[in-house]
Amino acid sequence: IPRPPNAFMVFRSWLWNQDNLKSVERDNRNVSRIAGRIWNDLSDEQRAPFRKMADEAKMRHAQLYPDYKYTP
């Protein structure tokens, strides 16, 4: 069972789906580096929608997998 995405992962997925990034970079390692730099420059207000989406994903995950417990 996959873990629910955190706010950064939601942001990274959103960023990847923007056509301008897909045309520039294809290496996932570099995409993550770029996303990390952009994420660190965002204000709390700019991060808020991604946090909200991550919270919603976490709630959906909890409903789908009520007995889920993360074990690394």
N, C-alpha and C. Protein backbone atom coordinates (compact mmCIF):
# COMPACT_ATOMS: atom_id res chain seq x y z
N ILE A 1 0.86 -1.18 0.00
CA ILE A 1 0.00 0.00 0.00
C ILE A 1 0.90 1.24 0.00
N PRO A 2 0.74 2.12 -0.97
CA PRO A 2 1.58 3.32 -1.01
C PRO A 2 1.18 4.32 0.08
N ARG A 3 2.15 5.06 0.54
CA ARG A 3 1.89 6.11 1.53
C ARG A 3 1.16 7.27 0.86
N PRO A 4 0.36 8.02 1.61
CA PRO A 4 -0.26 9.21 1.02
C PRO A 4 0.81 10.27 0.77
N PRO A 5 0.64 11.08 -0.26
CA PRO A 5 1.66 12.09 -0.55
C PRO A 5 1.64 13.24 0.45
N ASN A 6 2.82 13.76 0.75
CA ASN A 6 2.89 14.95 1.59
C ASN A 6 2.76 16.19 0.70
N ALA A 7 2.76 17.36 1.29
CA ALA A 7 2.53 18.59 0.54
C ALA A 7 3.59 18.79 -0.55
N PHE A 8 4.83 18.48 -0.25
CA PHE A 8 5.88 18.64 -1.25
C PHE A 8 5.66 17.71 -2.44
N MET A 9 5.27 16.47 -2.18
CA MET A 9 5.06 15.52 -3.26
C MET A 9 3.86 15.94 -4.13
N VAL A 10 2.84 16.50 -3.50
CA VAL A 10 1.71 17.02 -4.28
C VAL A 10 2.20 18.17 -5.16
N PHE A 11 3.02 19.04 -4.60
CA PHE A 11 3.57 20.17 -5.35
C PHE A 11 4.44 19.66 -6.51
N ARG A 12 5.29 18.68 -6.23
CA ARG A 12 6.18 18.16 -7.26
C ARG A 12 5.37 17.55 -8.41
N SER A 13 4.32 16.82 -8.09
CA SER A 13 3.46 16.25 -9.13
C SER A 13 2.79 17.34 -9.95
N TRP A 14 2.32 18.36 -9.26
CA TRP A 14 1.69 19.50 -9.95
C TRP A 14 2.70 20.18 -10.87
N LEU A 15 3.91 20.39 -10.35
CA LEU A 15 4.95 21.04 -11.13
C LEU A 15 5.31 20.21 -12.36
N TRP A 16 5.41 18.91 -12.20
CA TRP A 16 5.75 18.03 -13.31
C TRP A 16 4.69 18.09 -14.40
N ASN A 17 3.44 18.25 -14.01
CA ASN A 17 2.35 18.28 -14.98
C ASN A 17 2.27 19.61 -15.73
N GLN A 18 3.06 20.58 -15.32
CA GLN A 18 3.14 21.83 -16.07
C GLN A 18 3.99 21.57 -17.31
N ASP A 19 3.49 21.93 -18.46
CA ASP A 19 4.18 21.62 -19.71
C ASP A 19 5.58 22.23 -19.80
N ASN A 20 5.79 23.38 -19.17
CA ASN A 20 7.09 24.03 -19.30
C ASN A 20 8.22 23.22 -18.65
N LEU A 21 7.96 22.49 -17.60
CA LEU A 21 9.02 21.69 -16.96
C LEU A 21 9.27 20.40 -17.75
N LYS A 22 8.23 19.78 -18.26
CA LYS A 22 8.41 18.54 -19.02
C LYS A 22 9.28 18.76 -20.25
N SER A 23 9.16 19.93 -20.83
CA SER A 23 9.94 20.19 -22.04
C SER A 23 11.40 20.52 -21.74
N VAL A 24 11.69 20.88 -20.49
CA VAL A 24 13.05 21.28 -20.11
C VAL A 24 13.85 20.12 -19.51
N GLU A 25 13.20 19.33 -18.66
CA GLU A 25 13.94 18.32 -17.90
C GLU A 25 13.18 17.00 -17.87
N ARG A 26 13.88 15.90 -18.12
CA ARG A 26 13.26 14.58 -18.10
C ARG A 26 13.80 13.70 -16.95
N ASP A 27 14.95 14.04 -16.40
CA ASP A 27 15.57 13.25 -15.33
C ASP A 27 14.86 13.55 -14.01
N ASN A 28 14.25 12.52 -13.41
CA ASN A 28 13.49 12.71 -12.18
C ASN A 28 14.32 13.26 -11.04
N ARG A 29 15.59 12.92 -10.99
CA ARG A 29 16.44 13.46 -9.93
C ARG A 29 16.54 14.97 -10.04
N ASN A 30 16.72 15.45 -11.26
CA ASN A 30 16.82 16.90 -11.46
C ASN A 30 15.47 17.59 -11.27
N VAL A 31 14.41 16.92 -11.66
CA VAL A 31 13.07 17.48 -11.44
C VAL A 31 12.85 17.69 -9.95
N SER A 32 13.24 16.71 -9.14
CA SER A 32 13.08 16.84 -7.69
C SER A 32 13.95 17.96 -7.13
N ARG A 33 15.14 18.12 -7.65
CA ARG A 33 16.01 19.21 -7.20
C ARG A 33 15.40 20.57 -7.53
N ILE A 34 14.90 20.68 -8.76
CA ILE A 34 14.26 21.93 -9.18
C ILE A 34 13.04 22.21 -8.31
N ALA A 35 12.22 21.18 -8.11
CA ALA A 35 11.02 21.34 -7.30
C ALA A 35 11.38 21.75 -5.87
N GLY A 36 12.44 21.16 -5.33
CA GLY A 36 12.87 21.51 -3.97
C GLY A 36 13.29 22.96 -3.85
N ARG A 37 14.01 23.44 -4.84
CA ARG A 37 14.43 24.85 -4.81
C ARG A 37 13.23 25.79 -4.89
N ILE A 38 12.30 25.45 -5.78
CA ILE A 38 11.11 26.29 -5.92
C ILE A 38 10.27 26.23 -4.64
N TRP A 39 10.10 25.03 -4.09
CA TRP A 39 9.31 24.83 -2.87
C TRP A 39 9.89 25.66 -1.72
N ASN A 40 11.20 25.66 -1.58
CA ASN A 40 11.83 26.41 -0.50
C ASN A 40 11.65 27.92 -0.66
N ASP A 41 11.45 28.38 -1.88
CA ASP A 41 11.24 29.81 -2.12
C ASP A 41 9.78 30.23 -1.97
N LEU A 42 8.86 29.27 -1.87
CA LEU A 42 7.44 29.62 -1.74
C LEU A 42 7.13 30.12 -0.34
N SER A 43 6.19 31.04 -0.26
CA SER A 43 5.72 31.52 1.05
C SER A 43 4.72 30.51 1.61
N ASP A 44 4.38 30.66 2.88
CA ASP A 44 3.39 29.78 3.49
C ASP A 44 2.04 29.88 2.77
N GLU A 45 1.71 31.08 2.31
CA GLU A 45 0.44 31.26 1.60
C GLU A 45 0.46 30.51 0.27
N GLN A 46 1.60 30.50 -0.40
CA GLN A 46 1.70 29.79 -1.67
C GLN A 46 1.72 28.27 -1.47
N ARG A 47 2.21 27.82 -0.32
CA ARG A 47 2.25 26.38 -0.02
C ARG A 47 0.90 25.86 0.47
N ALA A 48 0.06 26.74 0.97
CA ALA A 48 -1.21 26.33 1.60
C ALA A 48 -2.08 25.44 0.71
N PRO A 49 -2.27 25.75 -0.58
CA PRO A 49 -3.13 24.86 -1.39
C PRO A 49 -2.59 23.44 -1.50
N PHE A 50 -1.27 23.31 -1.54
CA PHE A 50 -0.67 21.98 -1.64
C PHE A 50 -0.79 21.23 -0.31
N ARG A 51 -0.70 21.95 0.79
CA ARG A 51 -0.92 21.33 2.10
C ARG A 51 -2.36 20.84 2.23
N LYS A 52 -3.29 21.65 1.72
CA LYS A 52 -4.70 21.26 1.77
C LYS A 52 -4.93 20.01 0.93
N MET A 53 -4.36 19.96 -0.28
CA MET A 53 -4.51 18.78 -1.13
C MET A 53 -3.89 17.54 -0.47
N ALA A 54 -2.76 17.73 0.21
CA ALA A 54 -2.10 16.61 0.90
C ALA A 54 -2.97 16.12 2.06
N ASP A 55 -3.58 17.05 2.79
CA ASP A 55 -4.48 16.66 3.88
C ASP A 55 -5.68 15.88 3.35
N GLU A 56 -6.21 16.33 2.22
CA GLU A 56 -7.35 15.62 1.62
C GLU A 56 -6.93 14.23 1.16
N ALA A 57 -5.75 14.12 0.58
CA ALA A 57 -5.25 12.82 0.14
C ALA A 57 -5.03 11.90 1.34
N LYS A 58 -4.56 12.47 2.44
CA LYS A 58 -4.34 11.69 3.66
C LYS A 58 -5.67 11.16 4.21
N MET A 59 -6.71 12.01 4.15
CA MET A 59 -8.03 11.58 4.63
C MET A 59 -8.60 10.47 3.74
N ARG A 60 -8.46 10.62 2.41
CA ARG A 60 -8.94 9.59 1.49
C ARG A 60 -8.19 8.28 1.72
N HIS A 61 -6.89 8.39 1.94
CA HIS A 61 -6.06 7.21 2.20
C HIS A 61 -6.53 6.51 3.47
N ALA A 62 -6.83 7.29 4.51
CA ALA A 62 -7.29 6.71 5.77
C ALA A 62 -8.64 6.01 5.61
N GLN A 63 -9.48 6.53 4.74
CA GLN A 63 -10.77 5.89 4.48
C GLN A 63 -10.59 4.60 3.68
N LEU A 64 -9.69 4.62 2.71
CA LEU A 64 -9.46 3.43 1.89
C LEU A 64 -8.73 2.33 2.65
N TYR A 65 -7.82 2.73 3.51
CA TYR A 65 -6.98 1.77 4.24
C TYR A 65 -7.03 2.10 5.73
N PRO A 66 -8.15 1.79 6.40
CA PRO A 66 -8.30 2.20 7.80
C PRO A 66 -7.29 1.56 8.75
N ASP A 67 -6.78 0.40 8.40
CA ASP A 67 -5.82 -0.27 9.29
C ASP A 67 -4.37 -0.03 8.88
N TYR A 68 -4.16 0.88 7.95
CA TYR A 68 -2.80 1.15 7.46
C TYR A 68 -1.93 1.75 8.54
N LYS A 69 -0.73 1.22 8.66
CA LYS A 69 0.26 1.78 9.57
C LYS A 69 1.59 1.75 8.83
N TYR A 70 2.24 2.90 8.75
CA TYR A 70 3.50 2.97 8.04
C TYR A 70 4.57 2.20 8.79
N THR A 71 5.20 1.29 8.10
CA THR A 71 6.32 0.54 8.68
C THR A 71 7.45 0.52 7.66
N PRO A 72 8.48 1.28 7.92
CA PRO A 72 9.60 1.35 6.96
C PRO A 72 10.35 0.04 6.82
